[in-house]
Amino acid sequence: MVESESLPNHRPIALSEVEVVDSLSSAGIRPVMADSFEISSTDTLPGHRPVAVSNLVISDTDTLPGHRPIASNDIDEDPVVLMD
């Protein structure tokens, strides 16, 4: 932990392995972090937000506005394992 004079109430800053690749000046200076997720498209959501590739099981029902997918309620792991 690193002490900070620039954050409210002198909140500490935790060290991490996050790679910051850029910054945005929107409501303050915000970091843009590198990630390794695979992008499927950037032209389907407002603002050209990326759509990530996923192996999520999607229900065949198409009832949400904007044709948003509905995830299956079937889980592939034991709930006890997920709570650890």
PDB file of N, CA and C in Angstrom:
ATOM      1  N   MET A   1       0.839  -1.174   0.000  1.00  0.00           N
ATOM      2  CA  MET A   1       0.000   0.000   0.000  1.00  0.00           C
ATOM      3  C   MET A   1       0.885   1.238   0.000  1.00  0.00           C
ATOM      4  N   VAL A   2       0.435   2.226  -0.738  1.00  0.00           N
ATOM      5  CA  VAL A   2       1.146   3.489  -0.823  1.00  0.00           C
ATOM      6  C   VAL A   2       0.213   4.575  -0.317  1.00  0.00           C
ATOM      7  N   GLU A   3       0.681   5.395   0.592  1.00  0.00           N
ATOM      8  CA  GLU A   3      -0.153   6.487   1.090  1.00  0.00           C
ATOM      9  C   GLU A   3      -0.314   7.534   0.014  1.00  0.00           C
ATOM     10  N   SER A   4      -1.466   8.200   0.001  1.00  0.00           N
ATOM     11  CA  SER A   4      -1.753   9.192  -1.026  1.00  0.00           C
ATOM     12  C   SER A   4      -2.168  10.508  -0.391  1.00  0.00           C
ATOM     13  N   GLU A   5      -1.645  11.589  -0.915  1.00  0.00           N
ATOM     14  CA  GLU A   5      -2.068  12.924  -0.498  1.00  0.00           C
ATOM     15  C   GLU A   5      -3.119  13.461  -1.467  1.00  0.00           C
ATOM     16  N   SER A   6      -3.294  12.793  -2.620  1.00  0.00           N
ATOM     17  CA  SER A   6      -4.182  13.328  -3.651  1.00  0.00           C
ATOM     18  C   SER A   6      -5.598  12.755  -3.618  1.00  0.00           C
ATOM     19  N   LEU A   7      -5.828  11.673  -2.884  1.00  0.00           N
ATOM     20  CA  LEU A   7      -7.164  11.089  -2.807  1.00  0.00           C
ATOM     21  C   LEU A   7      -7.892  11.575  -1.559  1.00  0.00           C
ATOM     22  N   PRO A   8      -9.235  11.625  -1.617  1.00  0.00           N
ATOM     23  CA  PRO A   8      -9.996  12.054  -0.438  1.00  0.00           C
ATOM     24  C   PRO A   8      -9.673  11.199   0.784  1.00  0.00           C
ATOM     25  N   ASN A   9      -9.595  11.823   1.937  1.00  0.00           N
ATOM     26  CA  ASN A   9      -9.304  11.163   3.214  1.00  0.00           C
ATOM     27  C   ASN A   9      -7.986  10.397   3.182  1.00  0.00           C
ATOM     28  N   HIS A  10      -7.095  10.784   2.284  1.00  0.00           N
ATOM     29  CA  HIS A  10      -5.761  10.167   2.163  1.00  0.00           C
ATOM     30  C   HIS A  10      -5.858   8.647   1.992  1.00  0.00           C
ATOM     31  N   ARG A  11      -6.840   8.218   1.191  1.00  0.00           N
ATOM     32  CA  ARG A  11      -7.011   6.781   0.955  1.00  0.00           C
ATOM     33  C   ARG A  11      -5.744   6.197   0.347  1.00  0.00           C
ATOM     34  N   PRO A  12      -5.371   5.000   0.762  1.00  0.00           N
ATOM     35  CA  PRO A  12      -4.155   4.381   0.217  1.00  0.00           C
ATOM     36  C   PRO A  12      -4.378   3.857  -1.204  1.00  0.00           C
ATOM     37  N   ILE A  13      -3.299   3.673  -1.911  1.00  0.00           N
ATOM     38  CA  ILE A  13      -3.326   3.115  -3.263  1.00  0.00           C
ATOM     39  C   ILE A  13      -2.614   1.773  -3.204  1.00  0.00           C
ATOM     40  N   ALA A  14      -3.281   0.727  -3.690  1.00  0.00           N
ATOM     41  CA  ALA A  14      -2.679  -0.608  -3.691  1.00  0.00           C
ATOM     42  C   ALA A  14      -1.826  -0.792  -4.940  1.00  0.00           C
ATOM     43  N   LEU A  15      -0.680  -1.411  -4.785  1.00  0.00           N
ATOM     44  CA  LEU A  15       0.163  -1.731  -5.923  1.00  0.00           C
ATOM     45  C   LEU A  15      -0.451  -2.889  -6.691  1.00  0.00           C
ATOM     46  N   SER A  16      -0.276  -2.900  -8.013  1.00  0.00           N
ATOM     47  CA  SER A  16      -0.845  -3.987  -8.816  1.00  0.00           C
ATOM     48  C   SER A  16      -0.005  -4.203 -10.064  1.00  0.00           C
ATOM     49  N   GLU A  17      -0.378  -5.227 -10.812  1.00  0.00           N
ATOM     50  CA  GLU A  17       0.297  -5.566 -12.062  1.00  0.00           C
ATOM     51  C   GLU A  17      -0.485  -5.053 -13.265  1.00  0.00           C
ATOM     52  N   VAL A  18      -1.475  -4.172 -13.053  1.00  0.00           N
ATOM     53  CA  VAL A  18      -2.308  -3.654 -14.130  1.00  0.00           C
ATOM     54  C   VAL A  18      -1.468  -2.784 -15.052  1.00  0.00           C
ATOM     55  N   GLU A  19      -1.634  -2.991 -16.370  1.00  0.00           N
ATOM     56  CA  GLU A  19      -0.915  -2.191 -17.348  1.00  0.00           C
ATOM     57  C   GLU A  19      -1.831  -1.073 -17.843  1.00  0.00           C
ATOM     58  N   VAL A  20      -1.451   0.180 -17.581  1.00  0.00           N
ATOM     59  CA  VAL A  20      -2.215   1.328 -18.047  1.00  0.00           C
ATOM     60  C   VAL A  20      -1.662   1.722 -19.412  1.00  0.00           C
ATOM     61  N   VAL A  21      -2.547   1.755 -20.429  1.00  0.00           N
ATOM     62  CA  VAL A  21      -2.090   2.043 -21.789  1.00  0.00           C
ATOM     63  C   VAL A  21      -2.467   3.442 -22.277  1.00  0.00           C
ATOM     64  N   ASP A  22      -3.403   4.100 -21.583  1.00  0.00           N
ATOM     65  CA  ASP A  22      -3.831   5.433 -21.997  1.00  0.00           C
ATOM     66  C   ASP A  22      -4.653   6.035 -20.866  1.00  0.00           C
ATOM     67  N   SER A  23      -5.165   7.234 -21.077  1.00  0.00           N
ATOM     68  CA  SER A  23      -6.077   7.819 -20.105  1.00  0.00           C
ATOM     69  C   SER A  23      -7.151   8.608 -20.829  1.00  0.00           C
ATOM     70  N   LEU A  24      -8.305   8.744 -20.183  1.00  0.00           N
ATOM     71  CA  LEU A  24      -9.418   9.507 -20.720  1.00  0.00           C
ATOM     72  C   LEU A  24      -9.660  10.716 -19.833  1.00  0.00           C
ATOM     73  N   SER A  25     -10.014  11.826 -20.421  1.00  0.00           N
ATOM     74  CA  SER A  25     -10.342  13.019 -19.642  1.00  0.00           C
ATOM     75  C   SER A  25     -11.856  13.184 -19.628  1.00  0.00           C
ATOM     76  N   SER A  26     -12.519  12.342 -18.885  1.00  0.00           N
ATOM     77  CA  SER A  26     -13.967  12.393 -18.757  1.00  0.00           C
ATOM     78  C   SER A  26     -14.293  12.285 -17.280  1.00  0.00           C
ATOM     79  N   ALA A  27     -14.805  13.365 -16.704  1.00  0.00           N
ATOM     80  CA  ALA A  27     -15.074  13.422 -15.258  1.00  0.00           C
ATOM     81  C   ALA A  27     -13.797  13.127 -14.481  1.00  0.00           C
ATOM     82  N   GLY A  28     -12.729  13.782 -14.856  1.00  0.00           N
ATOM     83  CA  GLY A  28     -11.428  13.552 -14.237  1.00  0.00           C
ATOM     84  C   GLY A  28     -10.552  12.745 -15.179  1.00  0.00           C
ATOM     85  N   ILE A  29      -9.339  12.509 -14.792  1.00  0.00           N
ATOM     86  CA  ILE A  29      -8.436  11.709 -15.613  1.00  0.00           C
ATOM     87  C   ILE A  29      -8.579  10.256 -15.186  1.00  0.00           C
ATOM     88  N   ARG A  30      -9.035   9.422 -16.119  1.00  0.00           N
ATOM     89  CA  ARG A  30      -9.299   8.009 -15.821  1.00  0.00           C
ATOM     90  C   ARG A  30      -8.359   7.127 -16.627  1.00  0.00           C
ATOM     91  N   PRO A  31      -7.773   6.121 -15.990  1.00  0.00           N
ATOM     92  CA  PRO A  31      -6.846   5.239 -16.707  1.00  0.00           C
ATOM     93  C   PRO A  31      -7.583   4.260 -17.623  1.00  0.00           C
ATOM     94  N   VAL A  32      -6.941   3.908 -18.727  1.00  0.00           N
ATOM     95  CA  VAL A  32      -7.423   2.857 -19.621  1.00  0.00           C
ATOM     96  C   VAL A  32      -6.447   1.706 -19.461  1.00  0.00           C
ATOM     97  N   MET A  33      -6.956   0.565 -18.999  1.00  0.00           N
ATOM     98  CA  MET A  33      -6.099  -0.580 -18.728  1.00  0.00           C
ATOM     99  C   MET A  33      -6.075  -1.559 -19.889  1.00  0.00           C
ATOM    100  N   ALA A  34      -4.942  -2.213 -20.066  1.00  0.00           N
ATOM    101  CA  ALA A  34      -4.798  -3.243 -21.088  1.00  0.00           C
ATOM    102  C   ALA A  34      -5.551  -4.490 -20.644  1.00  0.00           C
ATOM    103  N   ASP A  35      -6.083  -5.228 -21.598  1.00  0.00           N
ATOM    104  CA  ASP A  35      -6.763  -6.474 -21.299  1.00  0.00           C
ATOM    105  C   ASP A  35      -6.525  -7.422 -22.465  1.00  0.00           C
ATOM    106  N   SER A  36      -6.725  -8.692 -22.223  1.00  0.00           N
ATOM    107  CA  SER A  36      -6.471  -9.666 -23.277  1.00  0.00           C
ATOM    108  C   SER A  36      -7.748 -10.316 -23.792  1.00  0.00           C
ATOM    109  N   PHE A  37      -8.928  -9.729 -23.482  1.00  0.00           N
ATOM    110  CA  PHE A  37     -10.146 -10.367 -23.978  1.00  0.00           C
ATOM    111  C   PHE A  37     -10.279 -10.147 -25.485  1.00  0.00           C
ATOM    112  N   GLU A  38     -10.888 -11.127 -26.140  1.00  0.00           N
ATOM    113  CA  GLU A  38     -11.049 -11.086 -27.592  1.00  0.00           C
ATOM    114  C   GLU A  38     -12.309 -10.308 -27.946  1.00  0.00           C
ATOM    115  N   ILE A  39     -12.204  -9.372 -28.884  1.00  0.00           N
ATOM    116  CA  ILE A  39     -13.330  -8.529 -29.276  1.00  0.00           C
ATOM    117  C   ILE A  39     -13.997  -9.103 -30.518  1.00  0.00           C
ATOM    118  N   SER A  40     -15.322  -9.235 -30.451  1.00  0.00           N
ATOM    119  CA  SER A  40     -16.098  -9.736 -31.580  1.00  0.00           C
ATOM    120  C   SER A  40     -16.474  -8.600 -32.524  1.00  0.00           C
ATOM    121  N   SER A  41     -16.906  -7.461 -31.961  1.00  0.00           N
ATOM    122  CA  SER A  41     -17.377  -6.343 -32.773  1.00  0.00           C
ATOM    123  C   SER A  41     -17.297  -5.054 -31.962  1.00  0.00           C
ATOM    124  N   THR A  42     -17.221  -3.930 -32.666  1.00  0.00           N
ATOM    125  CA  THR A  42     -17.298  -2.628 -31.996  1.00  0.00           C
ATOM    126  C   THR A  42     -18.371  -1.754 -32.624  1.00  0.00           C
ATOM    127  N   ASP A  43     -19.153  -2.303 -33.537  1.00  0.00           N
ATOM    128  CA  ASP A  43     -20.131  -1.491 -34.264  1.00  0.00           C
ATOM    129  C   ASP A  43     -21.577  -1.779 -33.910  1.00  0.00           C
ATOM    130  N   THR A  44     -21.829  -2.567 -32.869  1.00  0.00           N
ATOM    131  CA  THR A  44     -23.217  -2.912 -32.557  1.00  0.00           C
ATOM    132  C   THR A  44     -23.775  -2.171 -31.349  1.00  0.00           C
ATOM    133  N   LEU A  45     -22.940  -1.661 -30.464  1.00  0.00           N
ATOM    134  CA  LEU A  45     -23.412  -0.959 -29.277  1.00  0.00           C
ATOM    135  C   LEU A  45     -23.167   0.540 -29.420  1.00  0.00           C
ATOM    136  N   PRO A  46     -24.018   1.370 -28.810  1.00  0.00           N
ATOM    137  CA  PRO A  46     -23.801   2.826 -28.879  1.00  0.00           C
ATOM    138  C   PRO A  46     -22.409   3.193 -28.372  1.00  0.00           C
ATOM    139  N   GLY A  47     -21.782   4.149 -29.031  1.00  0.00           N
ATOM    140  CA  GLY A  47     -20.455   4.583 -28.629  1.00  0.00           C
ATOM    141  C   GLY A  47     -19.360   3.640 -29.076  1.00  0.00           C
ATOM    142  N   HIS A  48     -19.689   2.684 -29.934  1.00  0.00           N
ATOM    143  CA  HIS A  48     -18.726   1.700 -30.442  1.00  0.00           C
ATOM    144  C   HIS A  48     -18.051   0.930 -29.313  1.00  0.00           C
ATOM    145  N   ARG A  49     -18.836   0.622 -28.275  1.00  0.00           N
ATOM    146  CA  ARG A  49     -18.288  -0.168 -27.169  1.00  0.00           C
ATOM    147  C   ARG A  49     -18.010  -1.584 -27.640  1.00  0.00           C
ATOM    148  N   PRO A  50     -16.927  -2.181 -27.173  1.00  0.00           N
ATOM    149  CA  PRO A  50     -16.575  -3.525 -27.652  1.00  0.00           C
ATOM    150  C   PRO A  50     -17.517  -4.599 -27.128  1.00  0.00           C
ATOM    151  N   VAL A  51     -17.743  -5.598 -27.963  1.00  0.00           N
ATOM    152  CA  VAL A  51     -18.501  -6.792 -27.589  1.00  0.00           C
ATOM    153  C   VAL A  51     -17.486  -7.922 -27.495  1.00  0.00           C
ATOM    154  N   ALA A  52     -17.346  -8.504 -26.326  1.00  0.00           N
ATOM    155  CA  ALA A  52     -16.342  -9.546 -26.101  1.00  0.00           C
ATOM    156  C   ALA A  52     -16.834 -10.907 -26.568  1.00  0.00           C
ATOM    157  N   VAL A  53     -15.922 -11.723 -27.025  1.00  0.00           N
ATOM    158  CA  VAL A  53     -16.214 -13.110 -27.383  1.00  0.00           C
ATOM    159  C   VAL A  53     -16.349 -13.887 -26.071  1.00  0.00           C
ATOM    160  N   SER A  54     -17.324 -14.784 -26.002  1.00  0.00           N
ATOM    161  CA  SER A  54     -17.567 -15.528 -24.774  1.00  0.00           C
ATOM    162  C   SER A  54     -18.060 -16.932 -25.094  1.00  0.00           C
ATOM    163  N   ASN A  55     -17.873 -17.833 -24.151  1.00  0.00           N
ATOM    164  CA  ASN A  55     -18.433 -19.177 -24.297  1.00  0.00           C
ATOM    165  C   ASN A  55     -19.682 -19.334 -23.437  1.00  0.00           C
ATOM    166  N   LEU A  56     -20.300 -18.212 -23.074  1.00  0.00           N
ATOM    167  CA  LEU A  56     -21.524 -18.209 -22.283  1.00  0.00           C
ATOM    168  C   LEU A  56     -22.644 -18.905 -23.043  1.00  0.00           C
ATOM    169  N   VAL A  57     -23.367 -19.789 -22.363  1.00  0.00           N
ATOM    170  CA  VAL A  57     -24.493 -20.494 -22.971  1.00  0.00           C
ATOM    171  C   VAL A  57     -25.683 -19.542 -22.984  1.00  0.00           C
ATOM    172  N   ILE A  58     -26.212 -19.295 -24.176  1.00  0.00           N
ATOM    173  CA  ILE A  58     -27.301 -18.339 -24.344  1.00  0.00           C
ATOM    174  C   ILE A  58     -28.615 -19.079 -24.569  1.00  0.00           C
ATOM    175  N   SER A  59     -29.683 -18.572 -23.944  1.00  0.00           N
ATOM    176  CA  SER A  59     -31.015 -19.149 -24.119  1.00  0.00           C
ATOM    177  C   SER A  59     -31.514 -18.854 -25.533  1.00  0.00           C
ATOM    178  N   ASP A  60     -32.402 -19.698 -26.048  1.00  0.00           N
ATOM    179  CA  ASP A  60     -32.957 -19.482 -27.384  1.00  0.00           C
ATOM    180  C   ASP A  60     -34.011 -18.377 -27.395  1.00  0.00           C
ATOM    181  N   THR A  61     -34.448 -17.928 -26.238  1.00  0.00           N
ATOM    182  CA  THR A  61     -35.476 -16.895 -26.161  1.00  0.00           C
ATOM    183  C   THR A  61     -34.883 -15.541 -26.499  1.00  0.00           C
ATOM    184  N   ASP A  62     -35.597 -14.756 -27.268  1.00  0.00           N
ATOM    185  CA  ASP A  62     -35.113 -13.424 -27.643  1.00  0.00           C
ATOM    186  C   ASP A  62     -36.161 -12.409 -27.222  1.00  0.00           C
ATOM    187  N   THR A  63     -36.162 -12.036 -25.934  1.00  0.00           N
ATOM    188  CA  THR A  63     -37.222 -11.160 -25.457  1.00  0.00           C
ATOM    189  C   THR A  63     -36.732  -9.821 -24.928  1.00  0.00           C
ATOM    190  N   LEU A  64     -35.445  -9.628 -24.786  1.00  0.00           N
ATOM    191  CA  LEU A  64     -34.957  -8.368 -24.248  1.00  0.00           C
ATOM    192  C   LEU A  64     -34.809  -7.313 -25.340  1.00  0.00           C
ATOM    193  N   PRO A  65     -35.049  -6.037 -25.007  1.00  0.00           N
ATOM    194  CA  PRO A  65     -34.899  -4.978 -26.012  1.00  0.00           C
ATOM    195  C   PRO A  65     -33.489  -4.987 -26.607  1.00  0.00           C
ATOM    196  N   GLY A  66     -33.412  -4.654 -27.877  1.00  0.00           N
ATOM    197  CA  GLY A  66     -32.120  -4.607 -28.543  1.00  0.00           C
ATOM    198  C   GLY A  66     -31.546  -5.974 -28.830  1.00  0.00           C
ATOM    199  N   HIS A  67     -32.353  -7.013 -28.755  1.00  0.00           N
ATOM    200  CA  HIS A  67     -31.921  -8.395 -28.997  1.00  0.00           C
ATOM    201  C   HIS A  67     -30.772  -8.797 -28.076  1.00  0.00           C
ATOM    202  N   ARG A  68     -30.811  -8.303 -26.846  1.00  0.00           N
ATOM    203  CA  ARG A  68     -29.772  -8.679 -25.885  1.00  0.00           C
ATOM    204  C   ARG A  68     -29.946 -10.127 -25.476  1.00  0.00           C
ATOM    205  N   PRO A  69     -28.845 -10.859 -25.345  1.00  0.00           N
ATOM    206  CA  PRO A  69     -28.941 -12.282 -25.022  1.00  0.00           C
ATOM    207  C   PRO A  69     -29.374 -12.526 -23.583  1.00  0.00           C
ATOM    208  N   ILE A  70     -29.986 -13.671 -23.374  1.00  0.00           N
ATOM    209  CA  ILE A  70     -30.374 -14.105 -22.030  1.00  0.00           C
ATOM    210  C   ILE A  70     -29.538 -15.335 -21.705  1.00  0.00           C
ATOM    211  N   ALA A  71     -28.775 -15.252 -20.633  1.00  0.00           N
ATOM    212  CA  ALA A  71     -27.903 -16.365 -20.250  1.00  0.00           C
ATOM    213  C   ALA A  71     -28.731 -17.519 -19.702  1.00  0.00           C
ATOM    214  N   SER A  72     -28.246 -18.706 -19.927  1.00  0.00           N
ATOM    215  CA  SER A  72     -28.899 -19.906 -19.419  1.00  0.00           C
ATOM    216  C   SER A  72     -28.823 -19.926 -17.896  1.00  0.00           C
ATOM    217  N   ASN A  73     -29.819 -20.519 -17.256  1.00  0.00           N
ATOM    218  CA  ASN A  73     -29.791 -20.670 -15.802  1.00  0.00           C
ATOM    219  C   ASN A  73     -29.036 -21.919 -15.370  1.00  0.00           C
ATOM    220  N   ASP A  74     -28.655 -22.751 -16.339  1.00  0.00           N
ATOM    221  CA  ASP A  74     -27.873 -23.943 -16.019  1.00  0.00           C
ATOM    222  C   ASP A  74     -26.453 -23.527 -15.686  1.00  0.00           C
ATOM    223  N   ILE A  75     -25.930 -24.054 -14.581  1.00  0.00           N
ATOM    224  CA  ILE A  75     -24.554 -23.738 -14.224  1.00  0.00           C
ATOM    225  C   ILE A  75     -23.700 -24.977 -14.411  1.00  0.00           C
ATOM    226  N   ASP A  76     -22.449 -24.747 -14.728  1.00  0.00           N
ATOM    227  CA  ASP A  76     -21.591 -25.889 -15.018  1.00  0.00           C
ATOM    228  C   ASP A  76     -20.656 -26.232 -13.867  1.00  0.00           C
ATOM    229  N   GLU A  77     -20.777 -25.525 -12.753  1.00  0.00           N
ATOM    230  CA  GLU A  77     -19.947 -25.836 -11.596  1.00  0.00           C
ATOM    231  C   GLU A  77     -20.833 -26.018 -10.371  1.00  0.00           C
ATOM    232  N   ASP A  78     -20.329 -26.752  -9.420  1.00  0.00           N
ATOM    233  CA  ASP A  78     -21.026 -26.962  -8.163  1.00  0.00           C
ATOM    234  C   ASP A  78     -21.150 -25.619  -7.437  1.00  0.00           C
ATOM    235  N   PRO A  79     -22.354 -25.222  -6.990  1.00  0.00           N
ATOM    236  CA  PRO A  79     -22.527 -23.951  -6.304  1.00  0.00           C
ATOM    237  C   PRO A  79     -21.587 -23.762  -5.113  1.00  0.00           C
ATOM    238  N   VAL A  80     -21.234 -24.848  -4.430  1.00  0.00           N
ATOM    239  CA  VAL A  80     -20.319 -24.744  -3.287  1.00  0.00           C
ATOM    240  C   VAL A  80     -18.944 -24.261  -3.762  1.00  0.00           C
ATOM    241  N   VAL A  81     -18.498 -24.740  -4.927  1.00  0.00           N
ATOM    242  CA  VAL A  81     -17.211 -24.320  -5.485  1.00  0.00           C
ATOM    243  C   VAL A  81     -17.267 -22.846  -5.874  1.00  0.00           C
ATOM    244  N   LEU A  82     -18.390 -22.401  -6.430  1.00  0.00           N
ATOM    245  CA  LEU A  82     -18.520 -21.021  -6.856  1.00  0.00           C
ATOM    246  C   LEU A  82     -18.490 -20.043  -5.672  1.00  0.00           C
ATOM    247  N   MET A  83     -18.886 -20.481  -4.499  1.00  0.00           N
ATOM    248  CA  MET A  83     -18.945 -19.606  -3.326  1.00  0.00           C
ATOM    249  C   MET A  83     -17.598 -19.500  -2.607  1.00  0.00           C
ATOM    250  N   ASP A  84     -16.621 -20.297  -2.983  1.00  0.00           N
ATOM    251  CA  ASP A  84     -15.299 -20.226  -2.316  1.00  0.00           C
ATOM    252  C   ASP A  84     -14.557 -18.987  -2.698  1.00  0.00           C
TER     253      ASP A  84
END
